[in-house]
Each structure stands twice: as C-alpha cells, then as structure tokens.
PDB file of N, CA and C in Angstrom:
ATOM      1  N   UNK A   1       0.848  -1.177   0.000  1.00  0.00           N
ATOM      2  CA  UNK A   1       0.000   0.000   0.000  1.00  0.00           C
ATOM      3  C   UNK A   1       0.895   1.242   0.000  1.00  0.00           C
ATOM      4  N   UNK A   2       0.514   2.212  -0.785  1.00  0.00           N
ATOM      5  CA  UNK A   2       1.284   3.453  -0.890  1.00  0.00           C
ATOM      6  C   UNK A   2       1.103   4.299   0.368  1.00  0.00           C
ATOM      7  N   UNK A   3       2.193   4.876   0.852  1.00  0.00           N
ATOM      8  CA  UNK A   3       2.163   5.672   2.079  1.00  0.00           C
ATOM      9  C   UNK A   3       1.259   6.895   1.955  1.00  0.00           C
ATOM     10  N   UNK A   4       1.080   7.417   0.738  1.00  0.00           N
ATOM     11  CA  UNK A   4       0.236   8.601   0.555  1.00  0.00           C
ATOM     12  C   UNK A   4      -1.225   8.331   0.906  1.00  0.00           C
ATOM     13  N   UNK A   5      -1.634   7.061   0.942  1.00  0.00           N
ATOM     14  CA  UNK A   5      -3.013   6.728   1.303  1.00  0.00           C
ATOM     15  C   UNK A   5      -3.267   6.874   2.799  1.00  0.00           C
ATOM     16  N   UNK A   6      -2.224   7.071   3.589  1.00  0.00           N
ATOM     17  CA  UNK A   6      -2.371   7.268   5.029  1.00  0.00           C
ATOM     18  C   UNK A   6      -2.695   8.715   5.383  1.00  0.00           C
ATOM     19  N   UNK A   7      -2.589   9.630   4.422  1.00  0.00           N
ATOM     20  CA  UNK A   7      -2.686  11.066   4.705  1.00  0.00           C
ATOM     21  C   UNK A   7      -3.751  11.760   3.861  1.00  0.00           C
ATOM     22  N   UNK A   8      -4.231  12.875   4.400  1.00  0.00           N
ATOM     23  CA  UNK A   8      -5.068  13.817   3.662  1.00  0.00           C
ATOM     24  C   UNK A   8      -4.158  14.993   3.326  1.00  0.00           C
ATOM     25  N   UNK A   9      -4.013  15.306   2.033  1.00  0.00           N
ATOM     26  CA  UNK A   9      -3.095  16.365   1.607  1.00  0.00           C
ATOM     27  C   UNK A   9      -3.857  17.628   1.240  1.00  0.00           C
ATOM     28  N   UNK A  10      -3.281  18.770   1.615  1.00  0.00           N
ATOM     29  CA  UNK A  10      -3.826  20.063   1.198  1.00  0.00           C
ATOM     30  C   UNK A  10      -2.695  21.080   1.205  1.00  0.00           C
ATOM     31  N   UNK A  11      -2.835  22.114   0.390  1.00  0.00           N
ATOM     32  CA  UNK A  11      -1.827  23.170   0.353  1.00  0.00           C
ATOM     33  C   UNK A  11      -2.260  24.320   1.239  1.00  0.00           C
ATOM     34  N   UNK A  12      -1.287  24.900   1.932  1.00  0.00           N
ATOM     35  CA  UNK A  12      -1.529  26.070   2.779  1.00  0.00           C
ATOM     36  C   UNK A  12      -0.465  27.108   2.494  1.00  0.00           C
ATOM     37  N   UNK A  13      -0.840  28.371   2.646  1.00  0.00           N
ATOM     38  CA  UNK A  13       0.117  29.458   2.501  1.00  0.00           C
ATOM     39  C   UNK A  13       0.264  30.144   3.851  1.00  0.00           C
ATOM     40  N   UNK A  14       1.507  30.254   4.299  1.00  0.00           N
ATOM     41  CA  UNK A  14       1.790  30.924   5.570  1.00  0.00           C
ATOM     42  C   UNK A  14       2.739  32.080   5.294  1.00  0.00           C
ATOM     43  N   UNK A  15       2.490  33.214   5.940  1.00  0.00           N
ATOM     44  CA  UNK A  15       3.376  34.370   5.808  1.00  0.00           C
ATOM     45  C   UNK A  15       4.510  34.251   6.816  1.00  0.00           C
ATOM     46  N   UNK A  16       5.739  34.323   6.299  1.00  0.00           N
ATOM     47  CA  UNK A  16       6.920  34.284   7.151  1.00  0.00           C
ATOM     48  C   UNK A  16       7.704  35.572   6.979  1.00  0.00           C
ATOM     49  N   UNK A  17       8.241  36.065   8.079  1.00  0.00           N
ATOM     50  CA  UNK A  17       9.078  37.259   8.032  1.00  0.00           C
ATOM     51  C   UNK A  17      10.513  36.818   7.773  1.00  0.00           C
ATOM     52  N   UNK A  18      11.071  37.268   6.647  1.00  0.00           N
ATOM     53  CA  UNK A  18      12.426  36.901   6.247  1.00  0.00           C
ATOM     54  C   UNK A  18      13.243  38.153   5.981  1.00  0.00           C
ATOM     55  N   UNK A  19      14.556  38.010   6.062  1.00  0.00           N
ATOM     56  CA  UNK A  19      15.478  39.109   5.784  1.00  0.00           C
ATOM     57  C   UNK A  19      16.228  38.776   4.503  1.00  0.00           C
ATOM     58  N   UNK A  20      16.206  39.703   3.548  1.00  0.00           N
ATOM     59  CA  UNK A  20      16.914  39.514   2.288  1.00  0.00           C
ATOM     60  C   UNK A  20      18.420  39.535   2.567  1.00  0.00           C
ATOM     61  N   UNK A  21      19.167  38.524   2.101  1.00  0.00           N
ATOM     62  CA  UNK A  21      20.610  38.513   2.351  1.00  0.00           C
ATOM     63  C   UNK A  21      21.383  39.536   1.514  1.00  0.00           C
ATOM     64  N   UNK A  22      20.743  40.112   0.494  1.00  0.00           N
ATOM     65  CA  UNK A  22      21.416  41.079  -0.371  1.00  0.00           C
ATOM     66  C   UNK A  22      21.269  42.514   0.140  1.00  0.00           C
ATOM     67  N   UNK A  23      20.014  42.940   0.400  1.00  0.00           N
ATOM     68  CA  UNK A  23      19.782  44.324   0.838  1.00  0.00           C
ATOM     69  C   UNK A  23      19.502  44.427   2.342  1.00  0.00           C
ATOM     70  N   UNK A  24      19.375  43.297   3.034  1.00  0.00           N
ATOM     71  CA  UNK A  24      19.164  43.217   4.484  1.00  0.00           C
ATOM     72  C   UNK A  24      17.856  43.866   4.940  1.00  0.00           C
ATOM     73  N   UNK A  25      16.859  43.882   4.077  1.00  0.00           N
ATOM     74  CA  UNK A  25      15.550  44.411   4.449  1.00  0.00           C
ATOM     75  C   UNK A  25      14.650  43.267   4.891  1.00  0.00           C
ATOM     76  N   UNK A  26      13.896  43.492   5.958  1.00  0.00           N
ATOM     77  CA  UNK A  26      12.981  42.494   6.490  1.00  0.00           C
ATOM     78  C   UNK A  26      11.610  42.707   5.876  1.00  0.00           C
ATOM     79  N   UNK A  27      10.988  41.615   5.466  1.00  0.00           N
ATOM     80  CA  UNK A  27       9.659  41.701   4.862  1.00  0.00           C
ATOM     81  C   UNK A  27       8.921  40.381   5.079  1.00  0.00           C
ATOM     82  N   UNK A  28       7.614  40.411   4.887  1.00  0.00           N
ATOM     83  CA  UNK A  28       6.791  39.221   5.031  1.00  0.00           C
ATOM     84  C   UNK A  28       6.577  38.597   3.652  1.00  0.00           C
ATOM     85  N   UNK A  29       6.787  37.287   3.559  1.00  0.00           N
ATOM     86  CA  UNK A  29       6.666  36.576   2.290  1.00  0.00           C
ATOM     87  C   UNK A  29       5.679  35.429   2.430  1.00  0.00           C
ATOM     88  N   UNK A  30       4.798  35.237   1.444  1.00  0.00           N
ATOM     89  CA  UNK A  30       3.907  34.076   1.489  1.00  0.00           C
ATOM     90  C   UNK A  30       4.675  32.825   1.034  1.00  0.00           C
ATOM     91  N   UNK A  31       4.685  31.809   1.872  1.00  0.00           N
ATOM     92  CA  UNK A  31       5.389  30.567   1.586  1.00  0.00           C
ATOM     93  C   UNK A  31       4.355  29.438   1.525  1.00  0.00           C
ATOM     94  N   UNK A  32       4.418  28.644   0.457  1.00  0.00           N
ATOM     95  CA  UNK A  32       3.465  27.537   0.285  1.00  0.00           C
ATOM     96  C   UNK A  32       3.993  26.276   0.971  1.00  0.00           C
ATOM     97  N   UNK A  33       3.083  25.581   1.663  1.00  0.00           N
ATOM     98  CA  UNK A  33       3.387  24.336   2.358  1.00  0.00           C
ATOM     99  C   UNK A  33       2.380  23.275   1.944  1.00  0.00           C
ATOM    100  N   UNK A  34       2.818  22.020   1.834  1.00  0.00           N
ATOM    101  CA  UNK A  34       1.929  20.879   1.651  1.00  0.00           C
ATOM    102  C   UNK A  34       1.727  20.280   3.035  1.00  0.00           C
ATOM    103  N   UNK A  35       0.486  20.296   3.508  1.00  0.00           N
ATOM    104  CA  UNK A  35       0.165  19.779   4.837  1.00  0.00           C
ATOM    105  C   UNK A  35      -0.410  18.377   4.657  1.00  0.00           C
ATOM    106  N   UNK A  36       0.227  17.408   5.276  1.00  0.00           N
ATOM    107  CA  UNK A  36      -0.227  16.017   5.212  1.00  0.00           C
ATOM    108  C   UNK A  36      -0.692  15.616   6.603  1.00  0.00           C
ATOM    109  N   UNK A  37      -2.018  15.469   6.742  1.00  0.00           N
ATOM    110  CA  UNK A  37      -2.630  15.125   8.014  1.00  0.00           C
ATOM    111  C   UNK A  37      -2.960  13.640   8.014  1.00  0.00           C
ATOM    112  N   UNK A  38      -2.548  12.938   9.042  1.00  0.00           N
ATOM    113  CA  UNK A  38      -2.789  11.499   9.143  1.00  0.00           C
ATOM    114  C   UNK A  38      -4.284  11.237   9.256  1.00  0.00           C
ATOM    115  N   UNK A  39      -4.765  10.263   8.486  1.00  0.00           N
ATOM    116  CA  UNK A  39      -6.176   9.883   8.547  1.00  0.00           C
ATOM    117  C   UNK A  39      -6.476   9.226   9.897  1.00  0.00           C
ATOM    118  N   UNK A  40      -7.746   9.274  10.278  1.00  0.00           N
ATOM    119  CA  UNK A  40      -8.137   8.710  11.564  1.00  0.00           C
ATOM    120  C   UNK A  40      -8.164   7.187  11.537  1.00  0.00           C
ATOM    121  N   UNK A  41      -8.461   6.626  10.350  1.00  0.00           N
ATOM    122  CA  UNK A  41      -8.553   5.174  10.240  1.00  0.00           C
ATOM    123  C   UNK A  41      -7.648   4.667   9.130  1.00  0.00           C
ATOM    124  N   UNK A  42      -7.229   3.448   9.271  1.00  0.00           N
ATOM    125  CA  UNK A  42      -6.414   2.778   8.271  1.00  0.00           C
ATOM    126  C   UNK A  42      -7.264   2.511   7.024  1.00  0.00           C
ATOM    127  N   UNK A  43      -6.753   2.787   5.814  1.00  0.00           N
ATOM    128  CA  UNK A  43      -7.519   2.506   4.593  1.00  0.00           C
ATOM    129  C   UNK A  43      -7.801   1.005   4.439  1.00  0.00           C
ATOM    130  N   UNK A  44      -8.836   0.701   3.683  1.00  0.00           N
ATOM    131  CA  UNK A  44      -9.207  -0.704   3.466  1.00  0.00           C
ATOM    132  C   UNK A  44      -8.128  -1.450   2.691  1.00  0.00           C
ATOM    133  N   UNK A  45      -8.089  -2.761   2.911  1.00  0.00           N
ATOM    134  CA  UNK A  45      -7.161  -3.606   2.184  1.00  0.00           C
ATOM    135  C   UNK A  45      -5.743  -3.560   2.714  1.00  0.00           C
ATOM    136  N   UNK A  46      -5.557  -3.091   3.928  1.00  0.00           N
ATOM    137  CA  UNK A  46      -4.212  -2.977   4.498  1.00  0.00           C
ATOM    138  C   UNK A  46      -3.810  -4.284   5.165  1.00  0.00           C
ATOM    139  N   UNK A  47      -2.559  -4.672   4.981  1.00  0.00           N
ATOM    140  CA  UNK A  47      -2.026  -5.879   5.605  1.00  0.00           C
ATOM    141  C   UNK A  47      -1.360  -5.556   6.929  1.00  0.00           C
ATOM    142  N   UNK A  48      -0.717  -6.557   7.500  1.00  0.00           N
ATOM    143  CA  UNK A  48      -0.077  -6.365   8.809  1.00  0.00           C
ATOM    144  C   UNK A  48       1.103  -5.394   8.716  1.00  0.00           C
ATOM    145  N   UNK A  49       1.842  -5.443   7.617  1.00  0.00           N
ATOM    146  CA  UNK A  49       2.962  -4.508   7.420  1.00  0.00           C
ATOM    147  C   UNK A  49       2.449  -3.065   7.323  1.00  0.00           C
ATOM    148  N   UNK A  50       1.319  -2.892   6.619  1.00  0.00           N
ATOM    149  CA  UNK A  50       0.721  -1.564   6.484  1.00  0.00           C
ATOM    150  C   UNK A  50       0.213  -1.044   7.820  1.00  0.00           C
ATOM    151  N   UNK A  51      -0.309  -1.930   8.669  1.00  0.00           N
ATOM    152  CA  UNK A  51      -0.785  -1.512   9.997  1.00  0.00           C
ATOM    153  C   UNK A  51       0.367  -0.958  10.840  1.00  0.00           C
ATOM    154  N   UNK A  52       1.536  -1.609  10.755  1.00  0.00           N
ATOM    155  CA  UNK A  52       2.697  -1.132  11.502  1.00  0.00           C
ATOM    156  C   UNK A  52       3.140   0.241  11.004  1.00  0.00           C
ATOM    157  N   UNK A  53       3.182   0.415   9.678  1.00  0.00           N
ATOM    158  CA  UNK A  53       3.594   1.705   9.105  1.00  0.00           C
ATOM    159  C   UNK A  53       2.590   2.799   9.456  1.00  0.00           C
ATOM    160  N   UNK A  54       1.288   2.457   9.464  1.00  0.00           N
ATOM    161  CA  UNK A  54       0.256   3.438   9.797  1.00  0.00           C
ATOM    162  C   UNK A  54       0.359   3.854  11.263  1.00  0.00           C
ATOM    163  N   UNK A  55       0.682   2.914  12.143  1.00  0.00           N
ATOM    164  CA  UNK A  55       0.821   3.225  13.573  1.00  0.00           C
ATOM    165  C   UNK A  55       1.970   4.200  13.815  1.00  0.00           C
ATOM    166  N   UNK A  56       3.025   4.117  13.019  1.00  0.00           N
ATOM    167  CA  UNK A  56       4.178   5.001  13.179  1.00  0.00           C
ATOM    168  C   UNK A  56       4.050   6.310  12.408  1.00  0.00           C
ATOM    169  N   UNK A  57       3.059   6.425  11.530  1.00  0.00           N
ATOM    170  CA  UNK A  57       2.896   7.632  10.711  1.00  0.00           C
ATOM    171  C   UNK A  57       2.473   8.811  11.581  1.00  0.00           C
ATOM    172  N   UNK A  58       2.971  10.019  11.217  1.00  0.00           N
ATOM    173  CA  UNK A  58       2.615  11.252  11.927  1.00  0.00           C
ATOM    174  C   UNK A  58       2.276  12.326  10.909  1.00  0.00           C
ATOM    175  N   UNK A  59       1.484  13.293  11.321  1.00  0.00           N
ATOM    176  CA  UNK A  59       1.157  14.430  10.459  1.00  0.00           C
ATOM    177  C   UNK A  59       2.379  15.324  10.315  1.00  0.00           C
ATOM    178  N   UNK A  60       2.554  15.911   9.128  1.00  0.00           N
ATOM    179  CA  UNK A  60       3.702  16.775   8.900  1.00  0.00           C
ATOM    180  C   UNK A  60       3.428  17.760   7.775  1.00  0.00           C
ATOM    181  N   UNK A  61       4.318  18.742   7.648  1.00  0.00           N
ATOM    182  CA  UNK A  61       4.232  19.767   6.610  1.00  0.00           C
ATOM    183  C   UNK A  61       5.536  19.761   5.820  1.00  0.00           C
ATOM    184  N   UNK A  62       5.425  19.935   4.492  1.00  0.00           N
ATOM    185  CA  UNK A  62       6.600  20.007   3.623  1.00  0.00           C
ATOM    186  C   UNK A  62       6.559  21.339   2.895  1.00  0.00           C
ATOM    187  N   UNK A  63       7.663  22.076   2.954  1.00  0.00           N
ATOM    188  CA  UNK A  63       7.717  23.368   2.261  1.00  0.00           C
ATOM    189  C   UNK A  63       7.823  23.127   0.761  1.00  0.00           C
ATOM    190  N   UNK A  64       6.964  23.804  -0.017  1.00  0.00           N
ATOM    191  CA  UNK A  64       6.961  23.673  -1.473  1.00  0.00           C
ATOM    192  C   UNK A  64       7.910  24.689  -2.094  1.00  0.00           C
ATOM    193  N   UNK A  65       7.844  25.932  -1.622  1.00  0.00           N
ATOM    194  CA  UNK A  65       8.673  26.999  -2.184  1.00  0.00           C
ATOM    195  C   UNK A  65      10.116  26.863  -1.702  1.00  0.00           C
ATOM    196  N   UNK A  66      11.054  26.949  -2.638  1.00  0.00           N
ATOM    197  CA  UNK A  66      12.472  26.887  -2.307  1.00  0.00           C
ATOM    198  C   UNK A  66      13.142  28.255  -2.413  1.00  0.00           C
ATOM    199  N   UNK A  67      12.566  29.151  -3.224  1.00  0.00           N
ATOM    200  CA  UNK A  67      13.153  30.481  -3.411  1.00  0.00           C
ATOM    201  C   UNK A  67      12.044  31.539  -3.369  1.00  0.00           C
ATOM    202  N   UNK A  68      12.417  32.752  -2.935  1.00  0.00           N
ATOM    203  CA  UNK A  68      11.510  33.896  -2.953  1.00  0.00           C
ATOM    204  C   UNK A  68      12.259  35.090  -3.529  1.00  0.00           C
ATOM    205  N   UNK A  69      11.505  36.051  -4.044  1.00  0.00           N
ATOM    206  CA  UNK A  69      12.100  37.277  -4.590  1.00  0.00           C
ATOM    207  C   UNK A  69      11.937  38.395  -3.571  1.00  0.00           C
ATOM    208  N   UNK A  70      12.973  39.183  -3.399  1.00  0.00           N
ATOM    209  CA  UNK A  70      12.958  40.300  -2.463  1.00  0.00           C
ATOM    210  C   UNK A  70      11.865  41.286  -2.861  1.00  0.00           C
ATOM    211  N   UNK A  71      11.208  41.859  -1.873  1.00  0.00           N
ATOM    212  CA  UNK A  71      10.125  42.808  -2.150  1.00  0.00           C
ATOM    213  C   UNK A  71      10.607  44.248  -2.252  1.00  0.00           C
ATOM    214  N   UNK A  72      11.869  44.496  -1.943  1.00  0.00           N
ATOM    215  CA  UNK A  72      12.434  45.828  -2.058  1.00  0.00           C
ATOM    216  C   UNK A  72      12.498  46.205  -3.546  1.00  0.00           C
ATOM    217  N   UNK A  73      11.979  47.378  -3.909  1.00  0.00           N
ATOM    218  CA  UNK A  73      11.902  47.801  -5.310  1.00  0.00           C
ATOM    219  C   UNK A  73      13.289  47.885  -5.942  1.00  0.00           C
ATOM    220  N   UNK A  74      14.269  48.286  -5.194  1.00  0.00           N
ATOM    221  CA  UNK A  74      15.621  48.431  -5.750  1.00  0.00           C
ATOM    222  C   UNK A  74      16.377  47.102  -5.840  1.00  0.00           C
ATOM    223  N   UNK A  75      16.030  46.156  -5.016  1.00  0.00           N
ATOM    224  CA  UNK A  75      16.776  44.894  -4.967  1.00  0.00           C
ATOM    225  C   UNK A  75      16.169  43.848  -5.919  1.00  0.00           C
ATOM    226  N   UNK A  76      15.007  43.332  -5.599  1.00  0.00           N
ATOM    227  CA  UNK A  76      14.277  42.336  -6.395  1.00  0.00           C
ATOM    228  C   UNK A  76      15.053  41.052  -6.683  1.00  0.00           C
ATOM    229  N   UNK A  77      16.113  40.785  -5.948  1.00  0.00           N
ATOM    230  CA  UNK A  77      16.897  39.568  -6.170  1.00  0.00           C
ATOM    231  C   UNK A  77      16.202  38.381  -5.513  1.00  0.00           C
ATOM    232  N   UNK A  78      16.412  37.219  -6.111  1.00  0.00           N
ATOM    233  CA  UNK A  78      15.863  35.989  -5.554  1.00  0.00           C
ATOM    234  C   UNK A  78      16.868  35.405  -4.572  1.00  0.00           C
ATOM    235  N   UNK A  79      16.323  34.828  -3.490  1.00  0.00           N
ATOM    236  CA  UNK A  79      17.198  34.149  -2.538  1.00  0.00           C
ATOM    237  C   UNK A  79      16.554  32.852  -2.079  1.00  0.00           C
ATOM    238  N   UNK A  80      17.422  31.910  -1.728  1.00  0.00           N
ATOM    239  CA  UNK A  80      16.988  30.577  -1.348  1.00  0.00           C
ATOM    240  C   UNK A  80      16.539  30.551   0.108  1.00  0.00           C
ATOM    241  N   UNK A  81      15.479  29.796   0.374  1.00  0.00           N
ATOM    242  CA  UNK A  81      15.006  29.613   1.742  1.00  0.00           C
ATOM    243  C   UNK A  81      15.862  28.539   2.404  1.00  0.00           C
ATOM    244  N   UNK A  82      16.348  28.838   3.588  1.00  0.00           N
ATOM    245  CA  UNK A  82      17.137  27.876   4.343  1.00  0.00           C
ATOM    246  C   UNK A  82      16.362  27.489   5.589  1.00  0.00           C
ATOM    247  N   UNK A  83      16.841  26.517   6.287  1.00  0.00           N
ATOM    248  CA  UNK A  83      16.161  26.068   7.496  1.00  0.00           C
ATOM    249  C   UNK A  83      15.358  24.817   7.216  1.00  0.00           C
ATOM    250  N   UNK A  84      14.392  24.560   8.054  1.00  0.00           N
ATOM    251  CA  UNK A  84      13.631  23.330   7.961  1.00  0.00           C
ATOM    252  C   UNK A  84      12.713  23.337   6.745  1.00  0.00           C
ATOM    253  N   UNK A  85      12.699  22.212   6.030  1.00  0.00           N
ATOM    254  CA  UNK A  85      11.783  22.077   4.913  1.00  0.00           C
ATOM    255  C   UNK A  85      10.664  21.098   5.245  1.00  0.00           C
ATOM    256  N   UNK A  86      10.829  20.313   6.336  1.00  0.00           N
ATOM    257  CA  UNK A  86       9.798  19.395   6.805  1.00  0.00           C
ATOM    258  C   UNK A  86       9.586  19.670   8.286  1.00  0.00           C
ATOM    259  N   UNK A  87       8.307  19.800   8.677  1.00  0.00           N
ATOM    260  CA  UNK A  87       7.970  20.086  10.067  1.00  0.00           C
ATOM    261  C   UNK A  87       6.919  19.084  10.521  1.00  0.00           C
ATOM    262  N   UNK A  88       7.180  18.382  11.622  1.00  0.00           N
ATOM    263  CA  UNK A  88       6.190  17.480  12.201  1.00  0.00           C
ATOM    264  C   UNK A  88       5.161  18.305  12.951  1.00  0.00           C
ATOM    265  N   UNK A  89       3.899  17.938  12.817  1.00  0.00           N
ATOM    266  CA  UNK A  89       2.841  18.638  13.544  1.00  0.00           C
ATOM    267  C   UNK A  89       2.271  17.710  14.597  1.00  0.00           C
ATOM    268  N   UNK A  90       1.632  18.281  15.584  1.00  0.00           N
ATOM    269  CA  UNK A  90       1.095  17.525  16.710  1.00  0.00           C
ATOM    270  C   UNK A  90      -0.179  16.799  16.310  1.00  0.00           C
ATOM    271  N   UNK A  91      -0.307  15.540  16.727  1.00  0.00           N
ATOM    272  CA  UNK A  91      -1.515  14.760  16.476  1.00  0.00           C
ATOM    273  C   UNK A  91      -2.467  14.785  17.663  1.00  0.00           C
ATOM    274  N   UNK A  92      -2.025  15.303  18.792  1.00  0.00           N
ATOM    275  CA  UNK A  92      -2.855  15.290  19.985  1.00  0.00           C
ATOM    276  C   UNK A  92      -3.914  16.378  19.930  1.00  0.00           C
ATOM    277  N   UNK A  93      -5.148  15.986  20.165  1.00  0.00           N
ATOM    278  CA  UNK A  93      -6.242  16.959  20.187  1.00  0.00           C
ATOM    279  C   UNK A  93      -6.563  17.486  18.807  1.00  0.00           C
ATOM    280  N   UNK A  94      -6.166  18.700  18.515  1.00  0.00           N
ATOM    281  CA  UNK A  94      -6.471  19.337  17.236  1.00  0.00           C
ATOM    282  C   UNK A  94      -5.625  18.712  16.129  1.00  0.00           C
ATOM    283  N   UNK A  95      -6.203  18.571  14.958  1.00  0.00           N
ATOM    284  CA  UNK A  95      -5.499  18.008  13.817  1.00  0.00           C
ATOM    285  C   UNK A  95      -4.711  19.058  13.062  1.00  0.00           C
ATOM    286  N   UNK A  96      -5.011  20.351  13.270  1.00  0.00           N
ATOM    287  CA  UNK A  96      -4.347  21.417  12.536  1.00  0.00           C
ATOM    288  C   UNK A  96      -3.487  22.243  13.478  1.00  0.00           C
ATOM    289  N   UNK A  97      -2.355  22.772  12.964  1.00  0.00           N
ATOM    290  CA  UNK A  97      -1.534  23.636  13.807  1.00  0.00           C
ATOM    291  C   UNK A  97      -2.264  24.943  14.120  1.00  0.00           C
ATOM    292  N   UNK A  98      -1.895  25.555  15.239  1.00  0.00           N
ATOM    293  CA  UNK A  98      -2.548  26.798  15.640  1.00  0.00           C
ATOM    294  C   UNK A  98      -2.197  27.940  14.684  1.00  0.00           C
ATOM    295  N   UNK A  99      -2.953  29.022  14.757  1.00  0.00           N
ATOM    296  CA  UNK A  99      -2.774  30.155  13.844  1.00  0.00           C
ATOM    297  C   UNK A  99      -1.425  30.842  14.032  1.00  0.00           C
ATOM    298  N   UNK A 100      -0.876  30.828  15.237  1.00  0.00           N
ATOM    299  CA  UNK A 100       0.406  31.488  15.484  1.00  0.00           C
ATOM    300  C   UNK A 100       1.590  30.531  15.334  1.00  0.00           C
ATOM    301  N   UNK A 101       1.371  29.368  14.746  1.00  0.00           N
ATOM    302  CA  UNK A 101       2.417  28.379  14.519  1.00  0.00           C
ATOM    303  C   UNK A 101       3.402  28.894  13.485  1.00  0.00           C
ATOM    304  N   UNK A 102       4.680  28.935  13.844  1.00  0.00           N
ATOM    305  CA  UNK A 102       5.729  29.408  12.949  1.00  0.00           C
ATOM    306  C   UNK A 102       6.626  28.234  12.585  1.00  0.00           C
ATOM    307  N   UNK A 103       6.471  27.659  11.379  1.00  0.00           N
ATOM    308  CA  UNK A 103       7.234  26.469  11.018  1.00  0.00           C
ATOM    309  C   UNK A 103       8.744  26.710  10.943  1.00  0.00           C
ATOM    310  N   UNK A 104       9.194  27.923  10.686  1.00  0.00           N
ATOM    311  CA  UNK A 104      10.627  28.203  10.608  1.00  0.00           C
ATOM    312  C   UNK A 104      11.297  28.180  11.969  1.00  0.00           C
ATOM    313  N   UNK A 105      10.525  28.424  13.041  1.00  0.00           N
ATOM    314  CA  UNK A 105      11.093  28.430  14.394  1.00  0.00           C
ATOM    315  C   UNK A 105      10.629  27.236  15.211  1.00  0.00           C
ATOM    316  N   UNK A 106      10.088  26.224  14.568  1.00  0.00           N
ATOM    317  CA  UNK A 106       9.575  25.045  15.257  1.00  0.00           C
ATOM    318  C   UNK A 106      10.700  24.351  16.007  1.00  0.00           C
ATOM    319  N   UNK A 107      10.547  24.193  17.296  1.00  0.00           N
ATOM    320  CA  UNK A 107      11.540  23.510  18.115  1.00  0.00           C
ATOM    321  C   UNK A 107      12.690  24.377  18.553  1.00  0.00           C
ATOM    322  N   UNK A 108      12.769  25.619  18.121  1.00  0.00           N
ATOM    323  CA  UNK A 108      13.854  26.524  18.503  1.00  0.00           C
ATOM    324  C   UNK A 108      13.376  27.437  19.631  1.00  0.00           C
ATOM    325  N   UNK A 109      13.463  26.965  20.831  1.00  0.00           N
ATOM    326  CA  UNK A 109      12.961  27.734  21.970  1.00  0.00           C
ATOM    327  C   UNK A 109      14.106  28.321  22.735  1.00  0.00           C
TER     328      UNK A 109
END
C-alpha cells in the first residue's frame, strides 16, 4: 500500500518574516506548504505490514517553495530559503496547527 493513502493532503500558505541577504531588508513573504494530516482510520485492504507503518505515521508539513524574490523595489533579487523544509505537527487533540504556529522556528525555543 502506498504511504500517501495514510494522509489527507492540502496546500496552505503561511506568511513568514524573512530578511533579504542582499539588501538586508525584512519583509513578510507568502510561503506555500503541503500539509499532510494522518487519517483517523487505516484505509481498506491494508495488511499487517501496512498496519505497523500506519501506527508510526505522523502528520507533517513540507515546504513547497524553495526560493523567494525580495520585495524591495531596488533589490528584487531571488534568494533561497534555508532552514527546515519538513515540520512534524502535533496529532494530539487538534489536527491542525494553531494560527500562530511558525514552522521556521519550530523547536527553537
């Protein structure tokens, strides 16, 4: 069974505050993420191996955008996004991350 059948996929856009490495101006950029939420039940036709993989599966987010363009009118250079490209989300209680969830600072306390 394909692992993608364990998840519900949807795209989300989150605004992140980034600093351009060329002109050093801070601005908010919309970044696209693929959110994969673990289904509540195992899909039909799953074997014992699939049950084990489903038990270990967790909800997570994958960053789609790899580069952004600076919003400064004089700069407009593209720069690469660094940091985490995959973020695990909590399965306890709510299935979706909170509104103030910042995937770039996840785990950096």
